[in-house]
Amino acid sequence: MVEFDIEVDASGLHCPLPLLRLKKALMEMDSGGIVKIIATDPAAHLDIGVYSDQSGHKILDFVRHAEQQIFYIRKK
């Protein structure tokens, strides 16, 4: 399990809300901080993956658990 600084529970939210919640959390933290985000939107892995690639933030881990997708993202 990855240590994290902020947890964002975006369960039940649909695109683009999980991504917007992630962006807000990242803006509130210093470089190197880690966000854990939980999403149930089936497209979340696509949205968050593309955003991470384009923004330079790093996905440290990605886990699917039942209908949840759990991401650990380090701010650049």
PDB file of N, CA and C in Angstrom:
ATOM      1  N   MET A   1       0.848  -1.185   0.000  1.00  0.00           N
ATOM      2  CA  MET A   1       0.000   0.000   0.000  1.00  0.00           C
ATOM      3  C   MET A   1       0.896   1.251   0.000  1.00  0.00           C
ATOM      4  N   VAL A   2       0.464   2.252  -0.717  1.00  0.00           N
ATOM      5  CA  VAL A   2       1.213   3.495  -0.869  1.00  0.00           C
ATOM      6  C   VAL A   2       0.761   4.496   0.191  1.00  0.00           C
ATOM      7  N   GLU A   3       1.723   5.143   0.838  1.00  0.00           N
ATOM      8  CA  GLU A   3       1.408   6.226   1.781  1.00  0.00           C
ATOM      9  C   GLU A   3       0.909   7.423   0.977  1.00  0.00           C
ATOM     10  N   PHE A   4      -0.079   8.141   1.491  1.00  0.00           N
ATOM     11  CA  PHE A   4      -0.621   9.282   0.764  1.00  0.00           C
ATOM     12  C   PHE A   4      -0.910  10.429   1.714  1.00  0.00           C
ATOM     13  N   ASP A   5      -1.023  11.629   1.134  1.00  0.00           N
ATOM     14  CA  ASP A   5      -1.264  12.841   1.924  1.00  0.00           C
ATOM     15  C   ASP A   5      -2.733  13.238   1.949  1.00  0.00           C
ATOM     16  N   ILE A   6      -3.409  13.063   0.821  1.00  0.00           N
ATOM     17  CA  ILE A   6      -4.819  13.448   0.698  1.00  0.00           C
ATOM     18  C   ILE A   6      -5.584  12.304   0.040  1.00  0.00           C
ATOM     19  N   GLU A   7      -6.777  12.024   0.540  1.00  0.00           N
ATOM     20  CA  GLU A   7      -7.655  11.038  -0.094  1.00  0.00           C
ATOM     21  C   GLU A   7      -8.860  11.768  -0.681  1.00  0.00           C
ATOM     22  N   VAL A   8      -9.170  11.441  -1.926  1.00  0.00           N
ATOM     23  CA  VAL A   8     -10.331  12.002  -2.607  1.00  0.00           C
ATOM     24  C   VAL A   8     -11.256  10.851  -2.947  1.00  0.00           C
ATOM     25  N   ASP A   9     -12.464  10.869  -2.400  1.00  0.00           N
ATOM     26  CA  ASP A   9     -13.442   9.827  -2.714  1.00  0.00           C
ATOM     27  C   ASP A   9     -14.410  10.384  -3.746  1.00  0.00           C
ATOM     28  N   ALA A  10     -14.221   9.960  -4.988  1.00  0.00           N
ATOM     29  CA  ALA A  10     -15.083  10.410  -6.083  1.00  0.00           C
ATOM     30  C   ALA A  10     -16.052   9.302  -6.487  1.00  0.00           C
ATOM     31  N   SER A  11     -16.333   8.400  -5.563  1.00  0.00           N
ATOM     32  CA  SER A  11     -17.269   7.306  -5.833  1.00  0.00           C
ATOM     33  C   SER A  11     -18.637   7.867  -6.188  1.00  0.00           C
ATOM     34  N   GLY A  12     -19.240   7.295  -7.210  1.00  0.00           N
ATOM     35  CA  GLY A  12     -20.575   7.715  -7.626  1.00  0.00           C
ATOM     36  C   GLY A  12     -20.594   8.934  -8.529  1.00  0.00           C
ATOM     37  N   LEU A  13     -19.451   9.564  -8.736  1.00  0.00           N
ATOM     38  CA  LEU A  13     -19.384  10.742  -9.606  1.00  0.00           C
ATOM     39  C   LEU A  13     -18.991  10.324 -11.017  1.00  0.00           C
ATOM     40  N   HIS A  14     -19.544  11.013 -11.986  1.00  0.00           N
ATOM     41  CA  HIS A  14     -19.252  10.712 -13.382  1.00  0.00           C
ATOM     42  C   HIS A  14     -18.379  11.800 -13.988  1.00  0.00           C
ATOM     43  N   CYS A  15     -17.728  11.437 -15.077  1.00  0.00           N
ATOM     44  CA  CYS A  15     -16.840  12.331 -15.820  1.00  0.00           C
ATOM     45  C   CYS A  15     -17.542  13.666 -16.068  1.00  0.00           C
ATOM     46  N   PRO A  16     -16.880  14.748 -15.838  1.00  0.00           N
ATOM     47  CA  PRO A  16     -15.470  14.955 -15.496  1.00  0.00           C
ATOM     48  C   PRO A  16     -15.214  15.165 -14.003  1.00  0.00           C
ATOM     49  N   LEU A  17     -16.195  14.914 -13.152  1.00  0.00           N
ATOM     50  CA  LEU A  17     -16.057  15.267 -11.734  1.00  0.00           C
ATOM     51  C   LEU A  17     -14.898  14.570 -11.012  1.00  0.00           C
ATOM     52  N   PRO A  18     -14.635  13.267 -11.217  1.00  0.00           N
ATOM     53  CA  PRO A  18     -13.463  12.689 -10.543  1.00  0.00           C
ATOM     54  C   PRO A  18     -12.167  13.407 -10.919  1.00  0.00           C
ATOM     55  N   LEU A  19     -12.017  13.745 -12.186  1.00  0.00           N
ATOM     56  CA  LEU A  19     -10.819  14.443 -12.638  1.00  0.00           C
ATOM     57  C   LEU A  19     -10.743  15.848 -12.034  1.00  0.00           C
ATOM     58  N   LEU A  20     -11.845  16.550 -11.967  1.00  0.00           N
ATOM     59  CA  LEU A  20     -11.855  17.887 -11.371  1.00  0.00           C
ATOM     60  C   LEU A  20     -11.510  17.841  -9.889  1.00  0.00           C
ATOM     61  N   ARG A  21     -12.002  16.832  -9.187  1.00  0.00           N
ATOM     62  CA  ARG A  21     -11.669  16.679  -7.758  1.00  0.00           C
ATOM     63  C   ARG A  21     -10.183  16.382  -7.585  1.00  0.00           C
ATOM     64  N   LEU A  22      -9.624  15.562  -8.489  1.00  0.00           N
ATOM     65  CA  LEU A  22      -8.198  15.274  -8.440  1.00  0.00           C
ATOM     66  C   LEU A  22      -7.386  16.542  -8.663  1.00  0.00           C
ATOM     67  N   LYS A  23      -7.751  17.325  -9.672  1.00  0.00           N
ATOM     68  CA  LYS A  23      -7.026  18.563  -9.966  1.00  0.00           C
ATOM     69  C   LYS A  23      -7.058  19.504  -8.773  1.00  0.00           C
ATOM     70  N   LYS A  24      -8.206  19.631  -8.124  1.00  0.00           N
ATOM     71  CA  LYS A  24      -8.337  20.507  -6.963  1.00  0.00           C
ATOM     72  C   LYS A  24      -7.418  20.044  -5.831  1.00  0.00           C
ATOM     73  N   ALA A  25      -7.388  18.746  -5.580  1.00  0.00           N
ATOM     74  CA  ALA A  25      -6.531  18.213  -4.518  1.00  0.00           C
ATOM     75  C   ALA A  25      -5.062  18.469  -4.829  1.00  0.00           C
ATOM     76  N   LEU A  26      -4.663  18.277  -6.080  1.00  0.00           N
ATOM     77  CA  LEU A  26      -3.269  18.498  -6.469  1.00  0.00           C
ATOM     78  C   LEU A  26      -2.873  19.965  -6.314  1.00  0.00           C
ATOM     79  N   MET A  27      -3.792  20.872  -6.599  1.00  0.00           N
ATOM     80  CA  MET A  27      -3.486  22.300  -6.462  1.00  0.00           C
ATOM     81  C   MET A  27      -3.250  22.689  -5.011  1.00  0.00           C
ATOM     82  N   GLU A  28      -3.832  21.950  -4.076  1.00  0.00           N
ATOM     83  CA  GLU A  28      -3.734  22.276  -2.655  1.00  0.00           C
ATOM     84  C   GLU A  28      -2.481  21.714  -1.997  1.00  0.00           C
ATOM     85  N   MET A  29      -1.665  20.963  -2.730  1.00  0.00           N
ATOM     86  CA  MET A  29      -0.510  20.325  -2.100  1.00  0.00           C
ATOM     87  C   MET A  29       0.794  20.726  -2.754  1.00  0.00           C
ATOM     88  N   ASP A  30       1.880  20.470  -2.049  1.00  0.00           N
ATOM     89  CA  ASP A  30       3.218  20.773  -2.540  1.00  0.00           C
ATOM     90  C   ASP A  30       3.692  19.685  -3.491  1.00  0.00           C
ATOM     91  N   SER A  31       4.704  20.021  -4.274  1.00  0.00           N
ATOM     92  CA  SER A  31       5.337  19.065  -5.169  1.00  0.00           C
ATOM     93  C   SER A  31       5.809  17.852  -4.371  1.00  0.00           C
ATOM     94  N   GLY A  32       5.595  16.665  -4.914  1.00  0.00           N
ATOM     95  CA  GLY A  32       5.988  15.430  -4.243  1.00  0.00           C
ATOM     96  C   GLY A  32       4.895  14.821  -3.392  1.00  0.00           C
ATOM     97  N   GLY A  33       3.826  15.582  -3.143  1.00  0.00           N
ATOM     98  CA  GLY A  33       2.703  15.066  -2.372  1.00  0.00           C
ATOM     99  C   GLY A  33       1.968  13.987  -3.142  1.00  0.00           C
ATOM    100  N   ILE A  34       1.271  13.117  -2.419  1.00  0.00           N
ATOM    101  CA  ILE A  34       0.572  11.997  -3.049  1.00  0.00           C
ATOM    102  C   ILE A  34      -0.916  12.062  -2.729  1.00  0.00           C
ATOM    103  N   VAL A  35      -1.717  11.921  -3.791  1.00  0.00           N
ATOM    104  CA  VAL A  35      -3.178  11.881  -3.679  1.00  0.00           C
ATOM    105  C   VAL A  35      -3.641  10.451  -3.939  1.00  0.00           C
ATOM    106  N   LYS A  36      -4.511   9.975  -3.076  1.00  0.00           N
ATOM    107  CA  LYS A  36      -5.229   8.723  -3.330  1.00  0.00           C
ATOM    108  C   LYS A  36      -6.609   9.129  -3.800  1.00  0.00           C
ATOM    109  N   ILE A  37      -7.009   8.666  -4.985  1.00  0.00           N
ATOM    110  CA  ILE A  37      -8.351   8.968  -5.474  1.00  0.00           C
ATOM    111  C   ILE A  37      -9.085   7.666  -5.748  1.00  0.00           C
ATOM    112  N   ILE A  38     -10.320   7.615  -5.279  1.00  0.00           N
ATOM    113  CA  ILE A  38     -11.189   6.459  -5.478  1.00  0.00           C
ATOM    114  C   ILE A  38     -12.300   6.884  -6.432  1.00  0.00           C
ATOM    115  N   ALA A  39     -12.457   6.141  -7.523  1.00  0.00           N
ATOM    116  CA  ALA A  39     -13.477   6.482  -8.520  1.00  0.00           C
ATOM    117  C   ALA A  39     -14.236   5.222  -8.922  1.00  0.00           C
ATOM    118  N   THR A  40     -15.501   5.407  -9.272  1.00  0.00           N
ATOM    119  CA  THR A  40     -16.305   4.293  -9.771  1.00  0.00           C
ATOM    120  C   THR A  40     -16.720   4.497 -11.225  1.00  0.00           C
ATOM    121  N   ASP A  41     -16.468   5.660 -11.771  1.00  0.00           N
ATOM    122  CA  ASP A  41     -16.763   5.924 -13.179  1.00  0.00           C
ATOM    123  C   ASP A  41     -15.892   4.998 -14.033  1.00  0.00           C
ATOM    124  N   PRO A  42     -16.488   4.191 -14.903  1.00  0.00           N
ATOM    125  CA  PRO A  42     -15.708   3.250 -15.711  1.00  0.00           C
ATOM    126  C   PRO A  42     -14.642   3.909 -16.584  1.00  0.00           C
ATOM    127  N   ALA A  43     -14.804   5.167 -16.928  1.00  0.00           N
ATOM    128  CA  ALA A  43     -13.838   5.862 -17.786  1.00  0.00           C
ATOM    129  C   ALA A  43     -12.769   6.609 -16.991  1.00  0.00           C
ATOM    130  N   ALA A  44     -12.804   6.521 -15.676  1.00  0.00           N
ATOM    131  CA  ALA A  44     -11.866   7.292 -14.854  1.00  0.00           C
ATOM    132  C   ALA A  44     -10.419   6.965 -15.176  1.00  0.00           C
ATOM    133  N   HIS A  45     -10.124   5.699 -15.436  1.00  0.00           N
ATOM    134  CA  HIS A  45      -8.724   5.344 -15.714  1.00  0.00           C
ATOM    135  C   HIS A  45      -8.225   5.999 -16.994  1.00  0.00           C
ATOM    136  N   LEU A  46      -9.110   6.212 -17.948  1.00  0.00           N
ATOM    137  CA  LEU A  46      -8.723   6.893 -19.187  1.00  0.00           C
ATOM    138  C   LEU A  46      -8.477   8.375 -18.921  1.00  0.00           C
ATOM    139  N   ASP A  47      -9.427   9.024 -18.272  1.00  0.00           N
ATOM    140  CA  ASP A  47      -9.324  10.460 -17.988  1.00  0.00           C
ATOM    141  C   ASP A  47      -8.104  10.775 -17.126  1.00  0.00           C
ATOM    142  N   ILE A  48      -7.943  10.024 -16.056  1.00  0.00           N
ATOM    143  CA  ILE A  48      -6.845  10.293 -15.129  1.00  0.00           C
ATOM    144  C   ILE A  48      -5.509   9.925 -15.766  1.00  0.00           C
ATOM    145  N   GLY A  49      -5.475   8.878 -16.561  1.00  0.00           N
ATOM    146  CA  GLY A  49      -4.244   8.495 -17.256  1.00  0.00           C
ATOM    147  C   GLY A  49      -3.776   9.556 -18.231  1.00  0.00           C
ATOM    148  N   VAL A  50      -4.693  10.055 -19.041  1.00  0.00           N
ATOM    149  CA  VAL A  50      -4.342  11.102 -20.011  1.00  0.00           C
ATOM    150  C   VAL A  50      -3.922  12.371 -19.288  1.00  0.00           C
ATOM    151  N   TYR A  51      -4.659  12.751 -18.261  1.00  0.00           N
ATOM    152  CA  TYR A  51      -4.312  13.955 -17.504  1.00  0.00           C
ATOM    153  C   TYR A  51      -2.919  13.833 -16.890  1.00  0.00           C
ATOM    154  N   SER A  52      -2.621  12.696 -16.303  1.00  0.00           N
ATOM    155  CA  SER A  52      -1.308  12.494 -15.686  1.00  0.00           C
ATOM    156  C   SER A  52      -0.190  12.581 -16.719  1.00  0.00           C
ATOM    157  N   ASP A  53      -0.397  11.971 -17.876  1.00  0.00           N
ATOM    158  CA  ASP A  53       0.606  12.038 -18.946  1.00  0.00           C
ATOM    159  C   ASP A  53       0.842  13.479 -19.396  1.00  0.00           C
ATOM    160  N   GLN A  54      -0.228  14.229 -19.557  1.00  0.00           N
ATOM    161  CA  GLN A  54      -0.120  15.595 -20.070  1.00  0.00           C
ATOM    162  C   GLN A  54       0.406  16.580 -19.027  1.00  0.00           C
ATOM    163  N   SER A  55       0.105  16.337 -17.768  1.00  0.00           N
ATOM    164  CA  SER A  55       0.482  17.286 -16.715  1.00  0.00           C
ATOM    165  C   SER A  55       1.836  16.968 -16.081  1.00  0.00           C
ATOM    166  N   GLY A  56       2.308  15.749 -16.256  1.00  0.00           N
ATOM    167  CA  GLY A  56       3.581  15.359 -15.665  1.00  0.00           C
ATOM    168  C   GLY A  56       3.474  14.747 -14.281  1.00  0.00           C
ATOM    169  N   HIS A  57       2.264  14.654 -13.734  1.00  0.00           N
ATOM    170  CA  HIS A  57       2.085  13.972 -12.454  1.00  0.00           C
ATOM    171  C   HIS A  57       2.237  12.467 -12.701  1.00  0.00           C
ATOM    172  N   LYS A  58       2.698  11.737 -11.697  1.00  0.00           N
ATOM    173  CA  LYS A  58       3.005  10.323 -11.889  1.00  0.00           C
ATOM    174  C   LYS A  58       2.009   9.430 -11.160  1.00  0.00           C
ATOM    175  N   ILE A  59       1.432   8.482 -11.895  1.00  0.00           N
ATOM    176  CA  ILE A  59       0.586   7.464 -11.272  1.00  0.00           C
ATOM    177  C   ILE A  59       1.528   6.430 -10.660  1.00  0.00           C
ATOM    178  N   LEU A  60       1.538   6.360  -9.339  1.00  0.00           N
ATOM    179  CA  LEU A  60       2.411   5.429  -8.638  1.00  0.00           C
ATOM    180  C   LEU A  60       1.823   4.026  -8.594  1.00  0.00           C
ATOM    181  N   ASP A  61       0.499   3.956  -8.481  1.00  0.00           N
ATOM    182  CA  ASP A  61      -0.166   2.659  -8.408  1.00  0.00           C
ATOM    183  C   ASP A  61      -1.607   2.829  -8.869  1.00  0.00           C
ATOM    184  N   PHE A  62      -2.144   1.765  -9.434  1.00  0.00           N
ATOM    185  CA  PHE A  62      -3.532   1.734  -9.886  1.00  0.00           C
ATOM    186  C   PHE A  62      -4.077   0.360  -9.537  1.00  0.00           C
ATOM    187  N   VAL A  63      -5.196   0.335  -8.802  1.00  0.00           N
ATOM    188  CA  VAL A  63      -5.788  -0.917  -8.351  1.00  0.00           C
ATOM    189  C   VAL A  63      -7.272  -0.906  -8.681  1.00  0.00           C
ATOM    190  N   ARG A  64      -7.744  -2.015  -9.223  1.00  0.00           N
ATOM    191  CA  ARG A  64      -9.195  -2.193  -9.394  1.00  0.00           C
ATOM    192  C   ARG A  64      -9.658  -3.116  -8.279  1.00  0.00           C
ATOM    193  N   HIS A  65     -10.687  -2.689  -7.575  1.00  0.00           N
ATOM    194  CA  HIS A  65     -11.261  -3.493  -6.504  1.00  0.00           C
ATOM    195  C   HIS A  65     -12.767  -3.443  -6.661  1.00  0.00           C
ATOM    196  N   ALA A  66     -13.361  -4.554  -7.088  1.00  0.00           N
ATOM    197  CA  ALA A  66     -14.791  -4.601  -7.407  1.00  0.00           C
ATOM    198  C   ALA A  66     -15.082  -3.530  -8.456  1.00  0.00           C
ATOM    199  N   GLU A  67     -15.944  -2.584  -8.152  1.00  0.00           N
ATOM    200  CA  GLU A  67     -16.257  -1.526  -9.122  1.00  0.00           C
ATOM    201  C   GLU A  67     -15.439  -0.266  -8.891  1.00  0.00           C
ATOM    202  N   GLN A  68     -14.555  -0.308  -7.919  1.00  0.00           N
ATOM    203  CA  GLN A  68     -13.722   0.862  -7.614  1.00  0.00           C
ATOM    204  C   GLN A  68     -12.411   0.829  -8.388  1.00  0.00           C
ATOM    205  N   GLN A  69     -11.968   2.002  -8.755  1.00  0.00           N
ATOM    206  CA  GLN A  69     -10.627   2.197  -9.297  1.00  0.00           C
ATOM    207  C   GLN A  69      -9.915   3.103  -8.304  1.00  0.00           C
ATOM    208  N   ILE A  70      -8.742   2.671  -7.866  1.00  0.00           N
ATOM    209  CA  ILE A  70      -7.994   3.431  -6.865  1.00  0.00           C
ATOM    210  C   ILE A  70      -6.646   3.811  -7.475  1.00  0.00           C
ATOM    211  N   PHE A  71      -6.367   5.111  -7.461  1.00  0.00           N
ATOM    212  CA  PHE A  71      -5.137   5.656  -8.026  1.00  0.00           C
ATOM    213  C   PHE A  71      -4.340   6.328  -6.918  1.00  0.00           C
ATOM    214  N   TYR A  72      -3.023   6.187  -7.003  1.00  0.00           N
ATOM    215  CA  TYR A  72      -2.112   6.929  -6.136  1.00  0.00           C
ATOM    216  C   TYR A  72      -1.260   7.780  -7.081  1.00  0.00           C
ATOM    217  N   ILE A  73      -1.353   9.087  -6.953  1.00  0.00           N
ATOM    218  CA  ILE A  73      -0.719  10.001  -7.891  1.00  0.00           C
ATOM    219  C   ILE A  73       0.192  10.962  -7.148  1.00  0.00           C
ATOM    220  N   ARG A  74       1.457  11.046  -7.610  1.00  0.00           N
ATOM    221  CA  ARG A  74       2.422  11.975  -7.031  1.00  0.00           C
ATOM    222  C   ARG A  74       2.446  13.257  -7.841  1.00  0.00           C
ATOM    223  N   LYS A  75       2.307  14.373  -7.156  1.00  0.00           N
ATOM    224  CA  LYS A  75       2.365  15.675  -7.828  1.00  0.00           C
ATOM    225  C   LYS A  75       3.777  15.964  -8.273  1.00  0.00           C
ATOM    226  N   LYS A  76       3.906  16.484  -9.500  1.00  0.00           N
ATOM    227  CA  LYS A  76       5.255  16.801 -10.003  1.00  0.00           C
ATOM    228  C   LYS A  76       5.843  18.000  -9.322  1.00  0.00           C
TER     229      LYS A  76
END
